[in-house]
Amino acid sequence: MTTWITICDTCKRDDWADRGVEVTDGESLAVLVEAAAEGTQVRTRRTSCLMGCTHGCNIAVQGEGKLAYTLGRFTPDADSAQAIVDYARMHADSDTGRVPFREWPQGVKGHFVTRHPPLPKDE
């Protein structure tokens, strides 16, 4: 089953304006995550806001019928992107979306913001 990484491409870290860059931190992270996910079973998409501005850079890891997670406070760099993709691959391999803490990549530890139960299948 497909696991999706949704990347907020409008996220700006607290020092964004001081750095004087035109590309948002979210856009920078999105490019890196997309590249790291190439050739894996993980899919990526961008959105224009995950409403976690105090936690920028934000991503969501989701799969149908599985626990979903929002993670934030990433630095837009290759190590963060790889850790995000590695975690999403573990999520994809899990029947429930739950990945044991001891298996988490170091780069995602301390970045979890929320966990959401799967949506019910019935109305």
C-alpha atoms as a PDB file:
ATOM      1  CA  MET A   1       0.000   0.000   0.000  1.00  0.00           C
ATOM      2  CA  THR A   2       1.239   3.475  -0.890  1.00  0.00           C
ATOM      3  CA  THR A   3       2.573   5.832   1.737  1.00  0.00           C
ATOM      4  CA  TRP A   4       2.521   9.512   0.887  1.00  0.00           C
ATOM      5  CA  ILE A   5       4.801  12.277   2.119  1.00  0.00           C
ATOM      6  CA  THR A   6       2.999  15.612   1.920  1.00  0.00           C
ATOM      7  CA  ILE A   7       5.436  18.504   2.104  1.00  0.00           C
ATOM      8  CA  CYS A   8       4.407  22.031   3.039  1.00  0.00           C
ATOM      9  CA  ASP A   9       6.102  24.163   0.399  1.00  0.00           C
ATOM     10  CA  THR A  10       5.209  27.478   2.068  1.00  0.00           C
ATOM     11  CA  CYS A  11       7.002  26.755   5.374  1.00  0.00           C
ATOM     12  CA  LYS A  12       9.555  29.301   6.476  1.00  0.00           C
ATOM     13  CA  ARG A  13      11.877  28.764   9.412  1.00  0.00           C
ATOM     14  CA  ASP A  14      12.130  31.589  11.955  1.00  0.00           C
ATOM     15  CA  ASP A  15      15.288  33.047  10.376  1.00  0.00           C
ATOM     16  CA  TRP A  16      14.004  32.902   6.785  1.00  0.00           C
ATOM     17  CA  ALA A  17      13.609  36.662   6.285  1.00  0.00           C
ATOM     18  CA  ASP A  18      17.013  37.377   7.864  1.00  0.00           C
ATOM     19  CA  ARG A  19      18.685  35.023   5.383  1.00  0.00           C
ATOM     20  CA  GLY A  20      17.275  37.017   2.457  1.00  0.00           C
ATOM     21  CA  VAL A  21      16.462  33.985   0.310  1.00  0.00           C
ATOM     22  CA  GLU A  22      13.560  33.936  -2.124  1.00  0.00           C
ATOM     23  CA  VAL A  23      12.829  30.201  -2.023  1.00  0.00           C
ATOM     24  CA  THR A  24      10.914  29.090   1.055  1.00  0.00           C
ATOM     25  CA  ASP A  25      12.457  26.493   3.350  1.00  0.00           C
ATOM     26  CA  GLY A  26       9.511  24.252   2.511  1.00  0.00           C
ATOM     27  CA  GLU A  27      10.286  24.456  -1.210  1.00  0.00           C
ATOM     28  CA  SER A  28      13.922  23.597  -0.519  1.00  0.00           C
ATOM     29  CA  LEU A  29      12.912  20.618   1.632  1.00  0.00           C
ATOM     30  CA  ALA A  30      10.375  19.471  -0.987  1.00  0.00           C
ATOM     31  CA  VAL A  31      13.025  19.300  -3.709  1.00  0.00           C
ATOM     32  CA  LEU A  32      15.280  17.238  -1.455  1.00  0.00           C
ATOM     33  CA  VAL A  33      12.532  14.869  -0.271  1.00  0.00           C
ATOM     34  CA  GLU A  34      11.306  14.347  -3.828  1.00  0.00           C
ATOM     35  CA  ALA A  35      14.827  13.433  -4.938  1.00  0.00           C
ATOM     36  CA  ALA A  36      15.362  11.073  -1.977  1.00  0.00           C
ATOM     37  CA  ALA A  37      12.033   9.330  -2.672  1.00  0.00           C
ATOM     38  CA  GLU A  38      12.791   8.628  -6.341  1.00  0.00           C
ATOM     39  CA  GLY A  39      12.804   4.903  -7.027  1.00  0.00           C
ATOM     40  CA  THR A  40      11.092   3.990  -3.738  1.00  0.00           C
ATOM     41  CA  GLN A  41       7.534   2.858  -3.007  1.00  0.00           C
ATOM     42  CA  VAL A  42       6.919   6.222  -1.308  1.00  0.00           C
ATOM     43  CA  ARG A  43       5.057   8.965  -3.179  1.00  0.00           C
ATOM     44  CA  THR A  44       5.403  12.702  -2.600  1.00  0.00           C
ATOM     45  CA  ARG A  45       3.178  15.697  -3.080  1.00  0.00           C
ATOM     46  CA  ARG A  46       3.287  19.341  -2.096  1.00  0.00           C
ATOM     47  CA  THR A  47       0.692  21.476  -0.389  1.00  0.00           C
ATOM     48  CA  SER A  48       0.599  25.197   0.265  1.00  0.00           C
ATOM     49  CA  CYS A  49       0.090  24.942   4.015  1.00  0.00           C
ATOM     50  CA  LEU A  50      -0.108  22.331   6.751  1.00  0.00           C
ATOM     51  CA  MET A  51      -0.893  25.058   9.317  1.00  0.00           C
ATOM     52  CA  GLY A  52       2.061  24.193  11.513  1.00  0.00           C
ATOM     53  CA  CYS A  53       3.871  27.480  11.087  1.00  0.00           C
ATOM     54  CA  THR A  54       5.500  27.374  14.521  1.00  0.00           C
ATOM     55  CA  HIS A  55       6.992  24.000  13.551  1.00  0.00           C
ATOM     56  CA  GLY A  56       8.271  24.802  10.018  1.00  0.00           C
ATOM     57  CA  CYS A  57       9.425  22.786   7.959  1.00  0.00           C
ATOM     58  CA  ASN A  58       6.389  20.459   8.118  1.00  0.00           C
ATOM     59  CA  ILE A  59       5.564  17.197   6.411  1.00  0.00           C
ATOM     60  CA  ALA A  60       2.822  14.589   6.801  1.00  0.00           C
ATOM     61  CA  VAL A  61       3.238  10.829   6.396  1.00  0.00           C
ATOM     62  CA  GLN A  62      -0.004   9.095   5.437  1.00  0.00           C
ATOM     63  CA  GLY A  63      -1.294   5.839   4.011  1.00  0.00           C
ATOM     64  CA  GLU A  64      -4.804   4.518   3.523  1.00  0.00           C
ATOM     65  CA  GLY A  65      -6.030   2.662   6.602  1.00  0.00           C
ATOM     66  CA  LYS A  66      -2.918   3.552   8.612  1.00  0.00           C
ATOM     67  CA  LEU A  67      -1.908   5.920  11.380  1.00  0.00           C
ATOM     68  CA  ALA A  68      -0.834   9.278   9.954  1.00  0.00           C
ATOM     69  CA  TYR A  69       1.832  11.563  11.366  1.00  0.00           C
ATOM     70  CA  THR A  70       2.744  15.218  11.107  1.00  0.00           C
ATOM     71  CA  LEU A  71       6.400  16.052  11.638  1.00  0.00           C
ATOM     72  CA  GLY A  72       8.054  19.451  11.746  1.00  0.00           C
ATOM     73  CA  ARG A  73      11.045  21.529  12.782  1.00  0.00           C
ATOM     74  CA  PHE A  74      13.259  20.148  10.007  1.00  0.00           C
ATOM     75  CA  THR A  75      16.261  21.857   8.505  1.00  0.00           C
ATOM     76  CA  PRO A  76      15.915  21.729   4.716  1.00  0.00           C
ATOM     77  CA  ASP A  77      18.966  19.583   4.051  1.00  0.00           C
ATOM     78  CA  ALA A  78      19.768  16.210   2.459  1.00  0.00           C
ATOM     79  CA  ASP A  79      20.102  14.411   5.815  1.00  0.00           C
ATOM     80  CA  SER A  80      16.616  15.494   6.926  1.00  0.00           C
ATOM     81  CA  ALA A  81      15.130  14.554   3.560  1.00  0.00           C
ATOM     82  CA  GLN A  82      16.694  11.091   3.678  1.00  0.00           C
ATOM     83  CA  ALA A  83      15.498  10.492   7.243  1.00  0.00           C
ATOM     84  CA  ILE A  84      11.957  11.516   6.245  1.00  0.00           C
ATOM     85  CA  VAL A  85      11.963   9.129   3.285  1.00  0.00           C
ATOM     86  CA  ASP A  86      13.506   6.312   5.339  1.00  0.00           C
ATOM     87  CA  TYR A  87      10.771   6.715   7.951  1.00  0.00           C
ATOM     88  CA  ALA A  88       8.064   6.831   5.261  1.00  0.00           C
ATOM     89  CA  ARG A  89       9.415   3.588   3.775  1.00  0.00           C
ATOM     90  CA  MET A  90       9.087   1.953   7.211  1.00  0.00           C
ATOM     91  CA  HIS A  91       5.544   3.341   7.462  1.00  0.00           C
ATOM     92  CA  ALA A  92       4.779   1.818   4.044  1.00  0.00           C
ATOM     93  CA  ASP A  93       6.096  -1.577   5.173  1.00  0.00           C
ATOM     94  CA  SER A  94       3.951  -1.526   8.335  1.00  0.00           C
ATOM     95  CA  ASP A  95       0.400  -2.896   8.280  1.00  0.00           C
ATOM     96  CA  THR A  96      -0.791  -0.214  10.710  1.00  0.00           C
ATOM     97  CA  GLY A  97       1.588   2.674  10.056  1.00  0.00           C
ATOM     98  CA  ARG A  98       3.171   2.187  13.471  1.00  0.00           C
ATOM     99  CA  VAL A  99       6.968   1.951  13.405  1.00  0.00           C
ATOM    100  CA  PRO A 100       8.739   0.949  16.633  1.00  0.00           C
ATOM    101  CA  PHE A 101      10.725   3.856  18.115  1.00  0.00           C
ATOM    102  CA  ARG A 102      13.948   1.840  18.148  1.00  0.00           C
ATOM    103  CA  GLU A 103      13.713   1.576  14.336  1.00  0.00           C
ATOM    104  CA  TRP A 104      13.132   5.270  13.640  1.00  0.00           C
ATOM    105  CA  PRO A 105      15.911   7.012  11.737  1.00  0.00           C
ATOM    106  CA  GLN A 106      17.764   9.364  14.060  1.00  0.00           C
ATOM    107  CA  GLY A 107      16.863  12.278  11.801  1.00  0.00           C
ATOM    108  CA  VAL A 108      13.122  12.074  12.616  1.00  0.00           C
ATOM    109  CA  LYS A 109      13.421  11.648  16.379  1.00  0.00           C
ATOM    110  CA  GLY A 110      12.156  14.786  18.117  1.00  0.00           C
ATOM    111  CA  HIS A 111      10.286  15.958  15.017  1.00  0.00           C
ATOM    112  CA  PHE A 112       6.874  14.346  15.593  1.00  0.00           C
ATOM    113  CA  VAL A 113       4.095  16.892  16.139  1.00  0.00           C
ATOM    114  CA  THR A 114       0.842  14.908  15.827  1.00  0.00           C
ATOM    115  CA  ARG A 115      -0.488  11.396  15.232  1.00  0.00           C
ATOM    116  CA  HIS A 116      -3.883  10.798  13.630  1.00  0.00           C
ATOM    117  CA  PRO A 117      -5.864   7.570  13.647  1.00  0.00           C
ATOM    118  CA  PRO A 118      -6.942   6.205  10.286  1.00  0.00           C
ATOM    119  CA  LEU A 119     -10.311   7.335   9.007  1.00  0.00           C
ATOM    120  CA  PRO A 120     -13.118   4.836   9.555  1.00  0.00           C
ATOM    121  CA  LYS A 121     -14.126   2.785   6.540  1.00  0.00           C
ATOM    122  CA  ASP A 122     -17.845   3.064   7.352  1.00  0.00           C
ATOM    123  CA  GLU A 123     -19.951   6.171   7.593  1.00  0.00           C
END
